[in-house]
Structures are given as C-alpha cells and as structure tokens.
C-alpha cells in the first residue's frame, strides 16, 4: 500500500510541475533556464514512478 501512496504523491507533484511548465510557457518572456529545470524535475519524477511501478509486489 505504501508504494501506491508514494506513486500518487509523485503523480501529484508531476502534475504540479506540468502546470508550472505550462504557466512558464504562457509568459511573454519565458525563462529557458527555469523551463529546463522544471522539465528535468518532471522527468525525474516520471522515472521514479515508473521504477516503483515495475517493482514486484
């Protein structure tokens, strides 16, 4: 059960980062460094979720 809760938590953070990326892209002068950092964090969360999902139950 703890693994599923962790995946949900990571999914929520992943969604928040996705929203932050969209907000940054909608700004008139997007900060490319910030975008790159947000995308890197989002990818790291995705990889962690996939690793948790692939673990034997």
PDB file of N, CA and C in Angstrom:
ATOM      1  N   UNK A   1       0.822  -1.199   0.000  1.00  0.00           N
ATOM      2  CA  UNK A   1       0.000   0.000   0.000  1.00  0.00           C
ATOM      3  C   UNK A   1       0.862   1.257   0.000  1.00  0.00           C
ATOM      4  N   UNK A   2       1.990   1.234   0.673  1.00  0.00           N
ATOM      5  CA  UNK A   2       2.861   2.406   0.745  1.00  0.00           C
ATOM      6  C   UNK A   2       3.376   2.804  -0.633  1.00  0.00           C
ATOM      7  N   UNK A   3       3.623   1.807  -1.487  1.00  0.00           N
ATOM      8  CA  UNK A   3       4.128   2.094  -2.830  1.00  0.00           C
ATOM      9  C   UNK A   3       3.074   2.861  -3.630  1.00  0.00           C
ATOM     10  N   UNK A   4       1.813   2.441  -3.532  1.00  0.00           N
ATOM     11  CA  UNK A   4       0.754   3.121  -4.266  1.00  0.00           C
ATOM     12  C   UNK A   4       0.595   4.556  -3.787  1.00  0.00           C
ATOM     13  N   UNK A   5       0.714   4.777  -2.480  1.00  0.00           N
ATOM     14  CA  UNK A   5       0.609   6.127  -1.921  1.00  0.00           C
ATOM     15  C   UNK A   5       1.759   6.995  -2.427  1.00  0.00           C
ATOM     16  N   UNK A   6       2.942   6.426  -2.484  1.00  0.00           N
ATOM     17  CA  UNK A   6       4.114   7.173  -2.985  1.00  0.00           C
ATOM     18  C   UNK A   6       3.923   7.520  -4.460  1.00  0.00           C
ATOM     19  N   UNK A   7       3.410   6.583  -5.237  1.00  0.00           N
ATOM     20  CA  UNK A   7       3.167   6.842  -6.658  1.00  0.00           C
ATOM     21  C   UNK A   7       2.143   7.967  -6.819  1.00  0.00           C
ATOM     22  N   UNK A   8       1.092   7.948  -5.998  1.00  0.00           N
ATOM     23  CA  UNK A   8       0.089   9.023  -6.066  1.00  0.00           C
ATOM     24  C   UNK A   8       0.706  10.371  -5.706  1.00  0.00           C
ATOM     25  N   UNK A   9       1.546  10.380  -4.678  1.00  0.00           N
ATOM     26  CA  UNK A   9       2.210  11.623  -4.269  1.00  0.00           C
ATOM     27  C   UNK A   9       3.099  12.146  -5.395  1.00  0.00           C
ATOM     28  N   UNK A  10       3.882  11.257  -5.984  1.00  0.00           N
ATOM     29  CA  UNK A  10       4.751  11.658  -7.087  1.00  0.00           C
ATOM     30  C   UNK A  10       3.930  12.133  -8.280  1.00  0.00           C
ATOM     31  N   UNK A  11       2.808  11.460  -8.530  1.00  0.00           N
ATOM     32  CA  UNK A  11       1.928  11.867  -9.632  1.00  0.00           C
ATOM     33  C   UNK A  11       1.379  13.255  -9.424  1.00  0.00           C
ATOM     34  N   UNK A  12       1.044  13.572  -8.197  1.00  0.00           N
ATOM     35  CA  UNK A  12       0.542  14.905  -7.871  1.00  0.00           C
ATOM     36  C   UNK A  12       1.629  15.952  -8.096  1.00  0.00           C
ATOM     37  N   UNK A  13       2.832  15.649  -7.653  1.00  0.00           N
ATOM     38  CA  UNK A  13       3.950  16.584  -7.872  1.00  0.00           C
ATOM     39  C   UNK A  13       4.253  16.714  -9.362  1.00  0.00           C
ATOM     40  N   UNK A  14       4.157  15.620 -10.098  1.00  0.00           N
ATOM     41  CA  UNK A  14       4.384  15.619 -11.537  1.00  0.00           C
ATOM     42  C   UNK A  14       3.372  16.542 -12.219  1.00  0.00           C
ATOM     43  N   UNK A  15       2.112  16.437 -11.803  1.00  0.00           N
ATOM     44  CA  UNK A  15       1.061  17.284 -12.363  1.00  0.00           C
ATOM     45  C   UNK A  15       1.321  18.760 -12.040  1.00  0.00           C
ATOM     46  N   UNK A  16       1.764  19.035 -10.820  1.00  0.00           N
ATOM     47  CA  UNK A  16       2.065  20.416 -10.428  1.00  0.00           C
ATOM     48  C   UNK A  16       3.198  20.993 -11.273  1.00  0.00           C
ATOM     49  N   UNK A  17       4.210  20.177 -11.521  1.00  0.00           N
ATOM     50  CA  UNK A  17       5.315  20.634 -12.364  1.00  0.00           C
ATOM     51  C   UNK A  17       4.841  20.872 -13.797  1.00  0.00           C
ATOM     52  N   UNK A  18       3.961  20.019 -14.280  1.00  0.00           N
ATOM     53  CA  UNK A  18       3.410  20.191 -15.620  1.00  0.00           C
ATOM     54  C   UNK A  18       2.680  21.528 -15.717  1.00  0.00           C
ATOM     55  N   UNK A  19       1.914  21.856 -14.688  1.00  0.00           N
ATOM     56  CA  UNK A  19       1.199  23.135 -14.667  1.00  0.00           C
ATOM     57  C   UNK A  19       2.185  24.300 -14.618  1.00  0.00           C
ATOM     58  N   UNK A  20       3.244  24.175 -13.825  1.00  0.00           N
ATOM     59  CA  UNK A  20       4.253  25.231 -13.739  1.00  0.00           C
ATOM     60  C   UNK A  20       4.940  25.438 -15.085  1.00  0.00           C
ATOM     61  N   UNK A  21       5.189  24.348 -15.802  1.00  0.00           N
ATOM     62  CA  UNK A  21       5.792  24.440 -17.138  1.00  0.00           C
ATOM     63  C   UNK A  21       4.850  25.177 -18.083  1.00  0.00           C
ATOM     64  N   UNK A  22       3.572  24.821 -18.051  1.00  0.00           N
ATOM     65  CA  UNK A  22       2.597  25.493 -18.914  1.00  0.00           C
ATOM     66  C   UNK A  22       2.499  26.977 -18.572  1.00  0.00           C
ATOM     67  N   UNK A  23       2.496  27.297 -17.284  1.00  0.00           N
ATOM     68  CA  UNK A  23       2.442  28.700 -16.858  1.00  0.00           C
ATOM     69  C   UNK A  23       3.651  29.471 -17.383  1.00  0.00           C
ATOM     70  N   UNK A  24       4.822  28.846 -17.281  1.00  0.00           N
ATOM     71  CA  UNK A  24       6.049  29.499 -17.754  1.00  0.00           C
ATOM     72  C   UNK A  24       6.010  29.695 -19.267  1.00  0.00           C
ATOM     73  N   UNK A  25       5.514  28.692 -19.979  1.00  0.00           N
ATOM     74  CA  UNK A  25       5.426  28.808 -21.438  1.00  0.00           C
ATOM     75  C   UNK A  25       4.457  29.901 -21.874  1.00  0.00           C
ATOM     76  N   UNK A  26       3.448  30.168 -21.059  1.00  0.00           N
ATOM     77  CA  UNK A  26       2.450  31.184 -21.395  1.00  0.00           C
ATOM     78  C   UNK A  26       2.899  32.600 -21.054  1.00  0.00           C
ATOM     79  N   UNK A  27       4.003  32.730 -20.344  1.00  0.00           N
ATOM     80  CA  UNK A  27       4.523  34.063 -20.035  1.00  0.00           C
ATOM     81  C   UNK A  27       5.087  34.687 -21.303  1.00  0.00           C
ATOM     82  N   UNK A  28       4.999  36.005 -21.411  1.00  0.00           N
ATOM     83  CA  UNK A  28       5.531  36.673 -22.612  1.00  0.00           C
ATOM     84  C   UNK A  28       7.021  36.422 -22.843  1.00  0.00           C
ATOM     85  N   UNK A  29       7.805  36.381 -21.765  1.00  0.00           N
ATOM     86  CA  UNK A  29       9.243  36.129 -21.896  1.00  0.00           C
ATOM     87  C   UNK A  29       9.599  34.930 -21.015  1.00  0.00           C
ATOM     88  N   UNK A  30       9.393  33.738 -21.546  1.00  0.00           N
ATOM     89  CA  UNK A  30       9.673  32.519 -20.785  1.00  0.00           C
ATOM     90  C   UNK A  30      11.146  32.443 -20.401  1.00  0.00           C
ATOM     91  N   UNK A  31      11.396  31.957 -19.209  1.00  0.00           N
ATOM     92  CA  UNK A  31      12.751  31.761 -18.717  1.00  0.00           C
ATOM     93  C   UNK A  31      13.190  30.355 -19.106  1.00  0.00           C
ATOM     94  N   UNK A  32      14.075  30.272 -20.089  1.00  0.00           N
ATOM     95  CA  UNK A  32      14.501  28.974 -20.615  1.00  0.00           C
ATOM     96  C   UNK A  32      15.220  28.132 -19.560  1.00  0.00           C
ATOM     97  N   UNK A  33      15.973  28.772 -18.698  1.00  0.00           N
ATOM     98  CA  UNK A  33      16.685  28.034 -17.647  1.00  0.00           C
ATOM     99  C   UNK A  33      15.668  27.424 -16.682  1.00  0.00           C
ATOM    100  N   UNK A  34      14.671  28.211 -16.303  1.00  0.00           N
ATOM    101  CA  UNK A  34      13.626  27.701 -15.405  1.00  0.00           C
ATOM    102  C   UNK A  34      12.860  26.569 -16.076  1.00  0.00           C
ATOM    103  N   UNK A  35      12.530  26.728 -17.346  1.00  0.00           N
ATOM    104  CA  UNK A  35      11.817  25.672 -18.066  1.00  0.00           C
ATOM    105  C   UNK A  35      12.620  24.374 -18.082  1.00  0.00           C
ATOM    106  N   UNK A  36      13.900  24.496 -18.352  1.00  0.00           N
ATOM    107  CA  UNK A  36      14.761  23.313 -18.406  1.00  0.00           C
ATOM    108  C   UNK A  36      14.795  22.613 -17.051  1.00  0.00           C
ATOM    109  N   UNK A  37      14.889  23.397 -15.967  1.00  0.00           N
ATOM    110  CA  UNK A  37      14.923  22.826 -14.620  1.00  0.00           C
ATOM    111  C   UNK A  37      13.597  22.147 -14.277  1.00  0.00           C
ATOM    112  N   UNK A  38      12.478  22.787 -14.609  1.00  0.00           N
ATOM    113  CA  UNK A  38      11.168  22.194 -14.339  1.00  0.00           C
ATOM    114  C   UNK A  38      10.997  20.887 -15.109  1.00  0.00           C
ATOM    115  N   UNK A  39      11.407  20.882 -16.363  1.00  0.00           N
ATOM    116  CA  UNK A  39      11.281  19.669 -17.185  1.00  0.00           C
ATOM    117  C   UNK A  39      12.171  18.553 -16.659  1.00  0.00           C
ATOM    118  N   UNK A  40      13.364  18.923 -16.162  1.00  0.00           N
ATOM    119  CA  UNK A  40      14.273  17.922 -15.600  1.00  0.00           C
ATOM    120  C   UNK A  40      13.651  17.289 -14.348  1.00  0.00           C
ATOM    121  N   UNK A  41      13.063  18.124 -13.493  1.00  0.00           N
ATOM    122  CA  UNK A  41      12.422  17.609 -12.279  1.00  0.00           C
ATOM    123  C   UNK A  41      11.236  16.723 -12.638  1.00  0.00           C
ATOM    124  N   UNK A  42      10.464  17.139 -13.634  1.00  0.00           N
ATOM    125  CA  UNK A  42       9.292  16.364 -14.051  1.00  0.00           C
ATOM    126  C   UNK A  42       9.725  14.991 -14.569  1.00  0.00           C
ATOM    127  N   UNK A  43      10.780  14.950 -15.373  1.00  0.00           N
ATOM    128  CA  UNK A  43      11.282  13.687 -15.898  1.00  0.00           C
ATOM    129  C   UNK A  43      11.783  12.779 -14.767  1.00  0.00           C
ATOM    130  N   UNK A  44      12.467  13.377 -13.788  1.00  0.00           N
ATOM    131  CA  UNK A  44      12.966  12.590 -12.660  1.00  0.00           C
ATOM    132  C   UNK A  44      11.804  11.945 -11.895  1.00  0.00           C
ATOM    133  N   UNK A  45      10.723  12.696 -11.691  1.00  0.00           N
ATOM    134  CA  UNK A  45       9.550  12.143 -11.014  1.00  0.00           C
ATOM    135  C   UNK A  45       8.937  11.011 -11.830  1.00  0.00           C
ATOM    136  N   UNK A  46       8.850  11.202 -13.134  1.00  0.00           N
ATOM    137  CA  UNK A  46       8.282  10.172 -14.006  1.00  0.00           C
ATOM    138  C   UNK A  46       9.107   8.894 -13.918  1.00  0.00           C
ATOM    139  N   UNK A  47      10.424   9.038 -13.944  1.00  0.00           N
ATOM    140  CA  UNK A  47      11.298   7.870 -13.859  1.00  0.00           C
ATOM    141  C   UNK A  47      11.141   7.164 -12.517  1.00  0.00           C
ATOM    142  N   UNK A  48      10.985   7.945 -11.451  1.00  0.00           N
ATOM    143  CA  UNK A  48      10.807   7.340 -10.127  1.00  0.00           C
ATOM    144  C   UNK A  48       9.477   6.587 -10.045  1.00  0.00           C
ATOM    145  N   UNK A  49       8.420   7.173 -10.620  1.00  0.00           N
ATOM    146  CA  UNK A  49       7.118   6.496 -10.631  1.00  0.00           C
ATOM    147  C   UNK A  49       7.198   5.194 -11.422  1.00  0.00           C
ATOM    148  N   UNK A  50       7.860   5.223 -12.571  1.00  0.00           N
ATOM    149  CA  UNK A  50       7.985   4.015 -13.389  1.00  0.00           C
ATOM    150  C   UNK A  50       8.782   2.937 -12.658  1.00  0.00           C
ATOM    151  N   UNK A  51       9.817   3.349 -11.943  1.00  0.00           N
ATOM    152  CA  UNK A  51      10.624   2.386 -11.184  1.00  0.00           C
ATOM    153  C   UNK A  51       9.781   1.739 -10.088  1.00  0.00           C
ATOM    154  N   UNK A  52       8.972   2.531  -9.421  1.00  0.00           N
ATOM    155  CA  UNK A  52       8.108   1.992  -8.359  1.00  0.00           C
ATOM    156  C   UNK A  52       7.069   1.035  -8.948  1.00  0.00           C
ATOM    157  N   UNK A  53       6.519   1.389 -10.087  1.00  0.00           N
ATOM    158  CA  UNK A  53       5.503   0.533 -10.721  1.00  0.00           C
ATOM    159  C   UNK A  53       6.081  -0.793 -11.184  1.00  0.00           C
ATOM    160  N   UNK A  54       7.353  -0.798 -11.539  1.00  0.00           N
ATOM    161  CA  UNK A  54       7.961  -2.029 -12.061  1.00  0.00           C
ATOM    162  C   UNK A  54       8.469  -2.956 -10.963  1.00  0.00           C
ATOM    163  N   UNK A  55       8.444  -2.494  -9.717  1.00  0.00           N
ATOM    164  CA  UNK A  55       8.880  -3.343  -8.616  1.00  0.00           C
ATOM    165  C   UNK A  55       7.891  -4.486  -8.423  1.00  0.00           C
ATOM    166  N   UNK A  56       8.407  -5.665  -8.077  1.00  0.00           N
ATOM    167  CA  UNK A  56       7.485  -6.769  -7.775  1.00  0.00           C
ATOM    168  C   UNK A  56       6.690  -6.457  -6.512  1.00  0.00           C
ATOM    169  N   UNK A  57       5.436  -6.829  -6.508  1.00  0.00           N
ATOM    170  CA  UNK A  57       4.557  -6.520  -5.368  1.00  0.00           C
ATOM    171  C   UNK A  57       4.692  -7.557  -4.326  1.00  0.00           C
TER     172      UNK A  57
END
